[in-house]
Amino acid sequence: MQLIKEVQNLSSDEALDFYENMFNALADKIRLKIMHEINKSPDKNLCVCDLEEILGLKQSKLSYHLKKLVNANLLIPEKHGTWNYYRINEKQVQFVLSEDTCCKIF
């Protein structure tokens, strides 16, 4: 899995699409709650079953939001037996939210 997408090799339009995808994934209250709950967990990862209980969401709705975060490389899924665990991709988050993100596009 690619941890940090290299934006330097992209055209301006491709770079803007990259950032649009990242910020779109973060621009949702439920997805922000998911990131928050994972971040505050002791091991910095949570099972999908724990997220269901904490957030009070059905598995299908939670899976939709987790997929958006995984596709944006903001979460890293790990399979442990029959359960999926998720942890935050710290490097990707730091890269996307760095001070000079917008300035480097153009």
PDB file of N, CA and C in Angstrom:
ATOM      1  N   MET A   1       0.846  -1.180   0.000  1.00  0.00           N
ATOM      2  CA  MET A   1       0.000   0.000   0.000  1.00  0.00           C
ATOM      3  C   MET A   1       0.886   1.237   0.000  1.00  0.00           C
ATOM      4  N   GLN A   2       0.535   2.162  -0.846  1.00  0.00           N
ATOM      5  CA  GLN A   2       1.275   3.413  -0.936  1.00  0.00           C
ATOM      6  C   GLN A   2       0.895   4.281   0.253  1.00  0.00           C
ATOM      7  N   LEU A   3       1.879   4.643   1.073  1.00  0.00           N
ATOM      8  CA  LEU A   3       1.577   5.413   2.271  1.00  0.00           C
ATOM      9  C   LEU A   3       1.377   6.885   1.983  1.00  0.00           C
ATOM     10  N   ILE A   4       2.237   7.448   1.153  1.00  0.00           N
ATOM     11  CA  ILE A   4       2.112   8.856   0.800  1.00  0.00           C
ATOM     12  C   ILE A   4       2.204   8.966  -0.711  1.00  0.00           C
ATOM     13  N   LYS A   5       1.201   9.548  -1.293  1.00  0.00           N
ATOM     14  CA  LYS A   5       1.210   9.715  -2.727  1.00  0.00           C
ATOM     15  C   LYS A   5       2.123  10.874  -3.087  1.00  0.00           C
ATOM     16  N   GLU A   6       2.965  10.660  -4.061  1.00  0.00           N
ATOM     17  CA  GLU A   6       3.882  11.704  -4.506  1.00  0.00           C
ATOM     18  C   GLU A   6       3.133  12.702  -5.384  1.00  0.00           C
ATOM     19  N   VAL A   7       2.984  13.894  -4.900  1.00  0.00           N
ATOM     20  CA  VAL A   7       2.252  14.932  -5.627  1.00  0.00           C
ATOM     21  C   VAL A   7       3.182  15.657  -6.597  1.00  0.00           C
ATOM     22  N   GLN A   8       4.479  15.622  -6.329  1.00  0.00           N
ATOM     23  CA  GLN A   8       5.423  16.360  -7.161  1.00  0.00           C
ATOM     24  C   GLN A   8       5.378  15.903  -8.624  1.00  0.00           C
ATOM     25  N   ASN A   9       5.055  14.649  -8.887  1.00  0.00           N
ATOM     26  CA  ASN A   9       5.059  14.106 -10.244  1.00  0.00           C
ATOM     27  C   ASN A   9       3.714  14.263 -10.949  1.00  0.00           C
ATOM     28  N   LEU A  10       2.763  14.923 -10.303  1.00  0.00           N
ATOM     29  CA  LEU A  10       1.441  15.088 -10.884  1.00  0.00           C
ATOM     30  C   LEU A  10       1.298  16.457 -11.531  1.00  0.00           C
ATOM     31  N   SER A  11       0.418  16.517 -12.519  1.00  0.00           N
ATOM     32  CA  SER A  11       0.085  17.816 -13.108  1.00  0.00           C
ATOM     33  C   SER A  11      -0.715  18.609 -12.080  1.00  0.00           C
ATOM     34  N   SER A  12      -0.906  19.895 -12.322  1.00  0.00           N
ATOM     35  CA  SER A  12      -1.683  20.726 -11.390  1.00  0.00           C
ATOM     36  C   SER A  12      -3.090  20.179 -11.198  1.00  0.00           C
ATOM     37  N   ASP A  13      -3.737  19.770 -12.293  1.00  0.00           N
ATOM     38  CA  ASP A  13      -5.090  19.226 -12.194  1.00  0.00           C
ATOM     39  C   ASP A  13      -5.109  17.916 -11.409  1.00  0.00           C
ATOM     40  N   GLU A  14      -4.113  17.058 -11.636  1.00  0.00           N
ATOM     41  CA  GLU A  14      -4.039  15.797 -10.906  1.00  0.00           C
ATOM     42  C   GLU A  14      -3.776  16.045  -9.416  1.00  0.00           C
ATOM     43  N   ALA A  15      -2.934  17.011  -9.126  1.00  0.00           N
ATOM     44  CA  ALA A  15      -2.641  17.350  -7.734  1.00  0.00           C
ATOM     45  C   ALA A  15      -3.896  17.892  -7.045  1.00  0.00           C
ATOM     46  N   LEU A  16      -4.649  18.722  -7.745  1.00  0.00           N
ATOM     47  CA  LEU A  16      -5.892  19.248  -7.181  1.00  0.00           C
ATOM     48  C   LEU A  16      -6.902  18.127  -6.952  1.00  0.00           C
ATOM     49  N   ASP A  17      -6.960  17.171  -7.882  1.00  0.00           N
ATOM     50  CA  ASP A  17      -7.841  16.010  -7.694  1.00  0.00           C
ATOM     51  C   ASP A  17      -7.422  15.212  -6.463  1.00  0.00           C
ATOM     52  N   PHE A  18      -6.123  15.047  -6.266  1.00  0.00           N
ATOM     53  CA  PHE A  18      -5.583  14.338  -5.108  1.00  0.00           C
ATOM     54  C   PHE A  18      -6.050  15.010  -3.816  1.00  0.00           C
ATOM     55  N   TYR A  19      -5.864  16.324  -3.729  1.00  0.00           N
ATOM     56  CA  TYR A  19      -6.255  17.043  -2.516  1.00  0.00           C
ATOM     57  C   TYR A  19      -7.765  17.090  -2.342  1.00  0.00           C
ATOM     58  N   GLU A  20      -8.492  17.178  -3.434  1.00  0.00           N
ATOM     59  CA  GLU A  20      -9.950  17.155  -3.342  1.00  0.00           C
ATOM     60  C   GLU A  20     -10.409  15.839  -2.718  1.00  0.00           C
ATOM     61  N   ASN A  21      -9.811  14.728  -3.138  1.00  0.00           N
ATOM     62  CA  ASN A  21     -10.147  13.416  -2.582  1.00  0.00           C
ATOM     63  C   ASN A  21      -9.830  13.353  -1.087  1.00  0.00           C
ATOM     64  N   MET A  22      -8.661  13.875  -0.704  1.00  0.00           N
ATOM     65  CA  MET A  22      -8.267  13.862   0.705  1.00  0.00           C
ATOM     66  C   MET A  22      -9.234  14.679   1.560  1.00  0.00           C
ATOM     67  N   PHE A  23      -9.468  15.909   1.136  1.00  0.00           N
ATOM     68  CA  PHE A  23     -10.317  16.796   1.936  1.00  0.00           C
ATOM     69  C   PHE A  23     -11.779  16.359   1.908  1.00  0.00           C
ATOM     70  N   ASN A  24     -12.207  15.750   0.809  1.00  0.00           N
ATOM     71  CA  ASN A  24     -13.558  15.201   0.745  1.00  0.00           C
ATOM     72  C   ASN A  24     -13.708  14.078   1.775  1.00  0.00           C
ATOM     73  N   ALA A  25     -12.687  13.240   1.894  1.00  0.00           N
ATOM     74  CA  ALA A  25     -12.733  12.152   2.871  1.00  0.00           C
ATOM     75  C   ALA A  25     -12.794  12.692   4.294  1.00  0.00           C
ATOM     76  N   LEU A  26     -12.178  13.833   4.535  1.00  0.00           N
ATOM     77  CA  LEU A  26     -12.170  14.422   5.880  1.00  0.00           C
ATOM     78  C   LEU A  26     -13.358  15.348   6.139  1.00  0.00           C
ATOM     79  N   ALA A  27     -14.103  15.683   5.106  1.00  0.00           N
ATOM     80  CA  ALA A  27     -15.180  16.672   5.237  1.00  0.00           C
ATOM     81  C   ALA A  27     -16.515  16.021   5.598  1.00  0.00           C
ATOM     82  N   ASP A  28     -16.489  15.160   6.598  1.00  0.00           N
ATOM     83  CA  ASP A  28     -17.701  14.494   7.029  1.00  0.00           C
ATOM     84  C   ASP A  28     -17.600  14.244   8.527  1.00  0.00           C
ATOM     85  N   LYS A  29     -18.649  14.565   9.249  1.00  0.00           N
ATOM     86  CA  LYS A  29     -18.636  14.451  10.712  1.00  0.00           C
ATOM     87  C   LYS A  29     -18.394  13.009  11.169  1.00  0.00           C
ATOM     88  N   ILE A  30     -19.017  12.053  10.508  1.00  0.00           N
ATOM     89  CA  ILE A  30     -18.840  10.651  10.907  1.00  0.00           C
ATOM     90  C   ILE A  30     -17.397  10.206  10.675  1.00  0.00           C
ATOM     91  N   ARG A  31     -16.824  10.579   9.536  1.00  0.00           N
ATOM     92  CA  ARG A  31     -15.439  10.182   9.259  1.00  0.00           C
ATOM     93  C   ARG A  31     -14.471  10.868  10.217  1.00  0.00           C
ATOM     94  N   LEU A  32     -14.757  12.102  10.584  1.00  0.00           N
ATOM     95  CA  LEU A  32     -13.921  12.764  11.589  1.00  0.00           C
ATOM     96  C   LEU A  32     -14.043  12.066  12.945  1.00  0.00           C
ATOM     97  N   LYS A  33     -15.239  11.617  13.291  1.00  0.00           N
ATOM     98  CA  LYS A  33     -15.428  10.872  14.537  1.00  0.00           C
ATOM     99  C   LYS A  33     -14.641   9.563  14.501  1.00  0.00           C
ATOM    100  N   ILE A  34     -14.663   8.887  13.359  1.00  0.00           N
ATOM    101  CA  ILE A  34     -13.901   7.638  13.210  1.00  0.00           C
ATOM    102  C   ILE A  34     -12.424   7.904  13.462  1.00  0.00           C
ATOM    103  N   MET A  35     -11.887   8.941  12.817  1.00  0.00           N
ATOM    104  CA  MET A  35     -10.472   9.284  12.982  1.00  0.00           C
ATOM    105  C   MET A  35     -10.187   9.629  14.453  1.00  0.00           C
ATOM    106  N   HIS A  36     -11.081  10.376  15.065  1.00  0.00           N
ATOM    107  CA  HIS A  36     -10.911  10.781  16.465  1.00  0.00           C
ATOM    108  C   HIS A  36     -10.886   9.565  17.399  1.00  0.00           C
ATOM    109  N   GLU A  37     -11.838   8.661  17.212  1.00  0.00           N
ATOM    110  CA  GLU A  37     -11.923   7.478  18.076  1.00  0.00           C
ATOM    111  C   GLU A  37     -10.697   6.580  17.915  1.00  0.00           C
ATOM    112  N   ILE A  38     -10.227   6.426  16.701  1.00  0.00           N
ATOM    113  CA  ILE A  38      -9.024   5.615  16.483  1.00  0.00           C
ATOM    114  C   ILE A  38      -7.825   6.286  17.134  1.00  0.00           C
ATOM    115  N   ASN A  39      -7.723   7.590  16.976  1.00  0.00           N
ATOM    116  CA  ASN A  39      -6.589   8.325  17.533  1.00  0.00           C
ATOM    117  C   ASN A  39      -6.547   8.261  19.059  1.00  0.00           C
ATOM    118  N   LYS A  40      -7.694   8.284  19.703  1.00  0.00           N
ATOM    119  CA  LYS A  40      -7.699   8.296  21.170  1.00  0.00           C
ATOM    120  C   LYS A  40      -7.668   6.892  21.777  1.00  0.00           C
ATOM    121  N   SER A  41      -7.739   5.849  20.936  1.00  0.00           N
ATOM    122  CA  SER A  41      -7.665   4.485  21.468  1.00  0.00           C
ATOM    123  C   SER A  41      -6.248   4.198  21.958  1.00  0.00           C
ATOM    124  N   PRO A  42      -6.112   3.370  22.991  1.00  0.00           N
ATOM    125  CA  PRO A  42      -4.788   3.105  23.579  1.00  0.00           C
ATOM    126  C   PRO A  42      -3.756   2.572  22.588  1.00  0.00           C
ATOM    127  N   ASP A  43      -4.165   1.689  21.684  1.00  0.00           N
ATOM    128  CA  ASP A  43      -3.229   1.100  20.719  1.00  0.00           C
ATOM    129  C   ASP A  43      -3.192   1.849  19.392  1.00  0.00           C
ATOM    130  N   LYS A  44      -3.948   2.937  19.295  1.00  0.00           N
ATOM    131  CA  LYS A  44      -4.054   3.737  18.065  1.00  0.00           C
ATOM    132  C   LYS A  44      -4.594   2.915  16.899  1.00  0.00           C
ATOM    133  N   ASN A  45      -5.392   1.885  17.212  1.00  0.00           N
ATOM    134  CA  ASN A  45      -6.126   1.160  16.178  1.00  0.00           C
ATOM    135  C   ASN A  45      -7.386   0.597  16.815  1.00  0.00           C
ATOM    136  N   LEU A  46      -8.407   0.423  15.998  1.00  0.00           N
ATOM    137  CA  LEU A  46      -9.684  -0.087  16.500  1.00  0.00           C
ATOM    138  C   LEU A  46     -10.262  -1.102  15.527  1.00  0.00           C
ATOM    139  N   CYS A  47     -10.939  -2.049  16.101  1.00  0.00           N
ATOM    140  CA  CYS A  47     -11.658  -3.057  15.335  1.00  0.00           C
ATOM    141  C   CYS A  47     -12.958  -2.427  14.821  1.00  0.00           C
ATOM    142  N   VAL A  48     -13.386  -2.886  13.672  1.00  0.00           N
ATOM    143  CA  VAL A  48     -14.642  -2.379  13.127  1.00  0.00           C
ATOM    144  C   VAL A  48     -15.790  -2.654  14.099  1.00  0.00           C
ATOM    145  N   CYS A  49     -15.715  -3.746  14.837  1.00  0.00           N
ATOM    146  CA  CYS A  49     -16.766  -4.058  15.817  1.00  0.00           C
ATOM    147  C   CYS A  49     -16.801  -3.022  16.942  1.00  0.00           C
ATOM    148  N   ASP A  50     -15.624  -2.545  17.356  1.00  0.00           N
ATOM    149  CA  ASP A  50     -15.563  -1.500  18.380  1.00  0.00           C
ATOM    150  C   ASP A  50     -16.118  -0.183  17.856  1.00  0.00           C
ATOM    151  N   LEU A  51     -15.782   0.143  16.613  1.00  0.00           N
ATOM    152  CA  LEU A  51     -16.280   1.380  16.010  1.00  0.00           C
ATOM    153  C   LEU A  51     -17.801   1.349  15.879  1.00  0.00           C
ATOM    154  N   GLU A  52     -18.355   0.187  15.532  1.00  0.00           N
ATOM    155  CA  GLU A  52     -19.815   0.050  15.449  1.00  0.00           C
ATOM    156  C   GLU A  52     -20.458   0.418  16.782  1.00  0.00           C
ATOM    157  N   GLU A  53     -19.904  -0.123  17.854  1.00  0.00           N
ATOM    158  CA  GLU A  53     -20.458   0.111  19.186  1.00  0.00           C
ATOM    159  C   GLU A  53     -20.258   1.554  19.637  1.00  0.00           C
ATOM    160  N   ILE A  54     -19.059   2.082  19.469  1.00  0.00           N
ATOM    161  CA  ILE A  54     -18.737   3.442  19.916  1.00  0.00           C
ATOM    162  C   ILE A  54     -19.592   4.478  19.191  1.00  0.00           C
ATOM    163  N   LEU A  55     -19.707   4.317  17.875  1.00  0.00           N
ATOM    164  CA  LEU A  55     -20.406   5.318  17.065  1.00  0.00           C
ATOM    165  C   LEU A  55     -21.892   5.032  16.895  1.00  0.00           C
ATOM    166  N   GLY A  56     -22.327   3.834  17.269  1.00  0.00           N
ATOM    167  CA  GLY A  56     -23.738   3.488  17.139  1.00  0.00           C
ATOM    168  C   GLY A  56     -24.187   3.413  15.686  1.00  0.00           C
ATOM    169  N   LEU A  57     -23.302   2.932  14.824  1.00  0.00           N
ATOM    170  CA  LEU A  57     -23.605   2.835  13.392  1.00  0.00           C
ATOM    171  C   LEU A  57     -23.777   1.379  12.984  1.00  0.00           C
ATOM    172  N   LYS A  58     -24.624   1.158  11.990  1.00  0.00           N
ATOM    173  CA  LYS A  58     -24.742  -0.176  11.407  1.00  0.00           C
ATOM    174  C   LYS A  58     -23.488  -0.453  10.587  1.00  0.00           C
ATOM    175  N   GLN A  59     -23.164  -1.734  10.452  1.00  0.00           N
ATOM    176  CA  GLN A  59     -21.952  -2.145   9.764  1.00  0.00           C
ATOM    177  C   GLN A  59     -21.889  -1.621   8.327  1.00  0.00           C
ATOM    178  N   SER A  60     -22.995  -1.615   7.629  1.00  0.00           N
ATOM    179  CA  SER A  60     -23.003  -1.175   6.234  1.00  0.00           C
ATOM    180  C   SER A  60     -22.657   0.304   6.112  1.00  0.00           C
ATOM    181  N   LYS A  61     -23.209   1.133   6.987  1.00  0.00           N
ATOM    182  CA  LYS A  61     -22.923   2.570   6.947  1.00  0.00           C
ATOM    183  C   LYS A  61     -21.480   2.831   7.372  1.00  0.00           C
ATOM    184  N   LEU A  62     -21.025   2.127   8.388  1.00  0.00           N
ATOM    185  CA  LEU A  62     -19.639   2.279   8.846  1.00  0.00           C
ATOM    186  C   LEU A  62     -18.666   1.848   7.759  1.00  0.00           C
ATOM    187  N   SER A  63     -18.956   0.763   7.077  1.00  0.00           N
ATOM    188  CA  SER A  63     -18.084   0.278   5.999  1.00  0.00           C
ATOM    189  C   SER A  63     -17.935   1.311   4.884  1.00  0.00           C
ATOM    190  N   TYR A  64     -19.025   1.987   4.562  1.00  0.00           N
ATOM    191  CA  TYR A  64     -18.977   3.040   3.543  1.00  0.00           C
ATOM    192  C   TYR A  64     -17.979   4.126   3.936  1.00  0.00           C
ATOM    193  N   HIS A  65     -18.046   4.583   5.171  1.00  0.00           N
ATOM    194  CA  HIS A  65     -17.163   5.653   5.633  1.00  0.00           C
ATOM    195  C   HIS A  65     -15.710   5.175   5.759  1.00  0.00           C
ATOM    196  N   LEU A  66     -15.532   3.960   6.230  1.00  0.00           N
ATOM    197  CA  LEU A  66     -14.181   3.414   6.333  1.00  0.00           C
ATOM    198  C   LEU A  66     -13.549   3.276   4.954  1.00  0.00           C
ATOM    199  N   LYS A  67     -14.334   2.859   3.973  1.00  0.00           N
ATOM    200  CA  LYS A  67     -13.815   2.709   2.607  1.00  0.00           C
ATOM    201  C   LYS A  67     -13.338   4.060   2.060  1.00  0.00           C
ATOM    202  N   LYS A  68     -14.087   5.120   2.311  1.00  0.00           N
ATOM    203  CA  LYS A  68     -13.676   6.454   1.849  1.00  0.00           C
ATOM    204  C   LYS A  68     -12.338   6.843   2.471  1.00  0.00           C
ATOM    205  N   LEU A  69     -12.162   6.580   3.754  1.00  0.00           N
ATOM    206  CA  LEU A  69     -10.917   6.928   4.438  1.00  0.00           C
ATOM    207  C   LEU A  69      -9.757   6.049   3.989  1.00  0.00           C
ATOM    208  N   VAL A  70     -10.024   4.786   3.734  1.00  0.00           N
ATOM    209  CA  VAL A  70      -8.974   3.872   3.250  1.00  0.00           C
ATOM    210  C   VAL A  70      -8.575   4.246   1.831  1.00  0.00           C
ATOM    211  N   ASN A  71      -9.550   4.534   0.973  1.00  0.00           N
ATOM    212  CA  ASN A  71      -9.246   4.907  -0.417  1.00  0.00           C
ATOM    213  C   ASN A  71      -8.436   6.194  -0.500  1.00  0.00           C
ATOM    214  N   ALA A  72      -8.576   7.056   0.485  1.00  0.00           N
ATOM    215  CA  ALA A  72      -7.800   8.298   0.537  1.00  0.00           C
ATOM    216  C   ALA A  72      -6.454   8.083   1.242  1.00  0.00           C
ATOM    217  N   ASN A  73      -6.143   6.838   1.592  1.00  0.00           N
ATOM    218  CA  ASN A  73      -4.904   6.479   2.313  1.00  0.00           C
ATOM    219  C   ASN A  73      -4.800   7.156   3.671  1.00  0.00           C
ATOM    220  N   LEU A  74      -5.928   7.525   4.256  1.00  0.00           N
ATOM    221  CA  LEU A  74      -5.917   8.144   5.578  1.00  0.00           C
ATOM    222  C   LEU A  74      -5.997   7.097   6.690  1.00  0.00           C
ATOM    223  N   LEU A  75      -6.558   5.936   6.363  1.00  0.00           N
ATOM    224  CA  LEU A  75      -6.587   4.811   7.291  1.00  0.00           C
ATOM    225  C   LEU A  75      -5.909   3.614   6.642  1.00  0.00           C
ATOM    226  N   ILE A  76      -5.280   2.814   7.477  1.00  0.00           N
ATOM    227  CA  ILE A  76      -4.640   1.588   7.018  1.00  0.00           C
ATOM    228  C   ILE A  76      -5.388   0.411   7.651  1.00  0.00           C
ATOM    229  N   PRO A  77      -5.990  -0.449   6.806  1.00  0.00           N
ATOM    230  CA  PRO A  77      -6.697  -1.608   7.355  1.00  0.00           C
ATOM    231  C   PRO A  77      -5.721  -2.754   7.629  1.00  0.00           C
ATOM    232  N   GLU A  78      -5.989  -3.499   8.691  1.00  0.00           N
ATOM    233  CA  GLU A  78      -5.211  -4.685   9.018  1.00  0.00           C
ATOM    234  C   GLU A  78      -6.188  -5.780   9.421  1.00  0.00           C
ATOM    235  N   LYS A  79      -6.020  -6.950   8.844  1.00  0.00           N
ATOM    236  CA  LYS A  79      -6.900  -8.071   9.146  1.00  0.00           C
ATOM    237  C   LYS A  79      -6.277  -8.904  10.260  1.00  0.00           C
ATOM    238  N   HIS A  80      -7.051  -9.140  11.313  1.00  0.00           N
ATOM    239  CA  HIS A  80      -6.641  -9.991  12.434  1.00  0.00           C
ATOM    240  C   HIS A  80      -7.730 -11.047  12.600  1.00  0.00           C
ATOM    241  N   GLY A  81      -7.475 -12.223  12.087  1.00  0.00           N
ATOM    242  CA  GLY A  81      -8.496 -13.268  12.128  1.00  0.00           C
ATOM    243  C   GLY A  81      -9.667 -12.885  11.252  1.00  0.00           C
ATOM    244  N   THR A  82     -10.841 -12.826  11.846  1.00  0.00           N
ATOM    245  CA  THR A  82     -12.040 -12.471  11.068  1.00  0.00           C
ATOM    246  C   THR A  82     -12.369 -10.986  11.139  1.00  0.00           C
ATOM    247  N   TRP A  83     -11.615 -10.215  11.932  1.00  0.00           N
ATOM    248  CA  TRP A  83     -11.935  -8.808  12.137  1.00  0.00           C
ATOM    249  C   TRP A  83     -10.949  -7.895  11.431  1.00  0.00           C
ATOM    250  N   ASN A  84     -11.470  -6.780  10.967  1.00  0.00           N
ATOM    251  CA  ASN A  84     -10.630  -5.737  10.392  1.00  0.00           C
ATOM    252  C   ASN A  84     -10.364  -4.676  11.450  1.00  0.00           C
ATOM    253  N   TYR A  85      -9.108  -4.299  11.561  1.00  0.00           N
ATOM    254  CA  TYR A  85      -8.689  -3.222  12.445  1.00  0.00           C
ATOM    255  C   TYR A  85      -8.200  -2.072  11.584  1.00  0.00           C
ATOM    256  N   TYR A  86      -8.352  -0.862  12.074  1.00  0.00           N
ATOM    257  CA  TYR A  86      -7.952   0.316  11.322  1.00  0.00           C
ATOM    258  C   TYR A  86      -7.052   1.190  12.179  1.00  0.00           C
ATOM    259  N   ARG A  87      -6.013   1.723  11.533  1.00  0.00           N
ATOM    260  CA  ARG A  87      -5.143   2.685  12.199  1.00  0.00           C
ATOM    261  C   ARG A  87      -4.944   3.866  11.261  1.00  0.00           C
ATOM    262  N   ILE A  88      -4.625   4.998  11.844  1.00  0.00           N
ATOM    263  CA  ILE A  88      -4.445   6.223  11.071  1.00  0.00           C
ATOM    264  C   ILE A  88      -3.090   6.191  10.375  1.00  0.00           C
ATOM    265  N   ASN A  89      -3.082   6.583   9.130  1.00  0.00           N
ATOM    266  CA  ASN A  89      -1.836   6.719   8.380  1.00  0.00           C
ATOM    267  C   ASN A  89      -1.276   8.109   8.707  1.00  0.00           C
ATOM    268  N   GLU A  90      -0.500   8.167   9.777  1.00  0.00           N
ATOM    269  CA  GLU A  90       0.013   9.442  10.300  1.00  0.00           C
ATOM    270  C   GLU A  90       0.793  10.237   9.253  1.00  0.00           C
ATOM    271  N   LYS A  91       1.609   9.566   8.471  1.00  0.00           N
ATOM    272  CA  LYS A  91       2.422  10.269   7.472  1.00  0.00           C
ATOM    273  C   LYS A  91       1.549  10.927   6.413  1.00  0.00           C
ATOM    274  N   GLN A  92       0.504  10.224   5.999  1.00  0.00           N
ATOM    275  CA  GLN A  92      -0.397  10.790   4.988  1.00  0.00           C
ATOM    276  C   GLN A  92      -1.134  12.003   5.557  1.00  0.00           C
ATOM    277  N   VAL A  93      -1.617  11.896   6.777  1.00  0.00           N
ATOM    278  CA  VAL A  93      -2.344  13.004   7.399  1.00  0.00           C
ATOM    279  C   VAL A  93      -1.427  14.217   7.553  1.00  0.00           C
ATOM    280  N   GLN A  94      -0.214  13.998   8.023  1.00  0.00           N
ATOM    281  CA  GLN A  94       0.728  15.113   8.171  1.00  0.00           C
ATOM    282  C   GLN A  94       1.042  15.748   6.823  1.00  0.00           C
ATOM    283  N   PHE A  95       1.204  14.925   5.808  1.00  0.00           N
ATOM    284  CA  PHE A  95       1.502  15.433   4.473  1.00  0.00           C
ATOM    285  C   PHE A  95       0.358  16.280   3.933  1.00  0.00           C
ATOM    286  N   VAL A  96      -0.853  15.772   4.051  1.00  0.00           N
ATOM    287  CA  VAL A  96      -2.025  16.467   3.501  1.00  0.00           C
ATOM    288  C   VAL A  96      -2.313  17.762   4.260  1.00  0.00           C
ATOM    289  N   LEU A  97      -2.061  17.765   5.554  1.00  0.00           N
ATOM    290  CA  LEU A  97      -2.394  18.934   6.357  1.00  0.00           C
ATOM    291  C   LEU A  97      -1.198  19.846   6.623  1.00  0.00           C
ATOM    292  N   SER A  98      -0.111  19.657   5.884  1.00  0.00           N
ATOM    293  CA  SER A  98       1.064  20.522   6.107  1.00  0.00           C
ATOM    294  C   SER A  98       0.761  21.954   5.690  1.00  0.00           C
ATOM    295  N   GLU A  99       1.483  22.892   6.249  1.00  0.00           N
ATOM    296  CA  GLU A  99       1.243  24.322   6.007  1.00  0.00           C
ATOM    297  C   GLU A  99       1.333  24.723   4.547  1.00  0.00           C
ATOM    298  N   ASP A 100       2.276  24.131   3.839  1.00  0.00           N
ATOM    299  CA  ASP A 100       2.517  24.579   2.467  1.00  0.00           C
ATOM    300  C   ASP A 100       1.851  23.684   1.416  1.00  0.00           C
ATOM    301  N   THR A 101       0.838  22.924   1.807  1.00  0.00           N
ATOM    302  CA  THR A 101       0.146  22.036   0.877  1.00  0.00           C
ATOM    303  C   THR A 101      -0.357  22.794  -0.360  1.00  0.00           C
ATOM    304  N   CYS A 102      -1.121  23.812  -0.156  1.00  0.00           N
ATOM    305  CA  CYS A 102      -1.722  24.527  -1.279  1.00  0.00           C
ATOM    306  C   CYS A 102      -0.679  25.279  -2.104  1.00  0.00           C
ATOM    307  N   CYS A 103       0.331  25.758  -1.462  1.00  0.00           N
ATOM    308  CA  CYS A 103       1.358  26.517  -2.169  1.00  0.00           C
ATOM    309  C   CYS A 103       2.196  25.658  -3.104  1.00  0.00           C
ATOM    310  N   LYS A 104       2.335  24.381  -2.801  1.00  0.00           N
ATOM    311  CA  LYS A 104       3.157  23.492  -3.620  1.00  0.00           C
ATOM    312  C   LYS A 104       2.439  23.012  -4.883  1.00  0.00           C
ATOM    313  N   ILE A 105       1.129  23.160  -4.937  1.00  0.00           N
ATOM    314  CA  ILE A 105       0.377  22.659  -6.091  1.00  0.00           C
ATOM    315  C   ILE A 105       0.730  23.459  -7.340  1.00  0.00           C
ATOM    316  N   PHE A 106       0.835  24.752  -7.188  1.00  0.00           N
ATOM    317  CA  PHE A 106       1.017  25.595  -8.369  1.00  0.00           C
ATOM    318  C   PHE A 106       2.434  26.034  -8.547  1.00  0.00           C
TER     319      PHE A 106
END
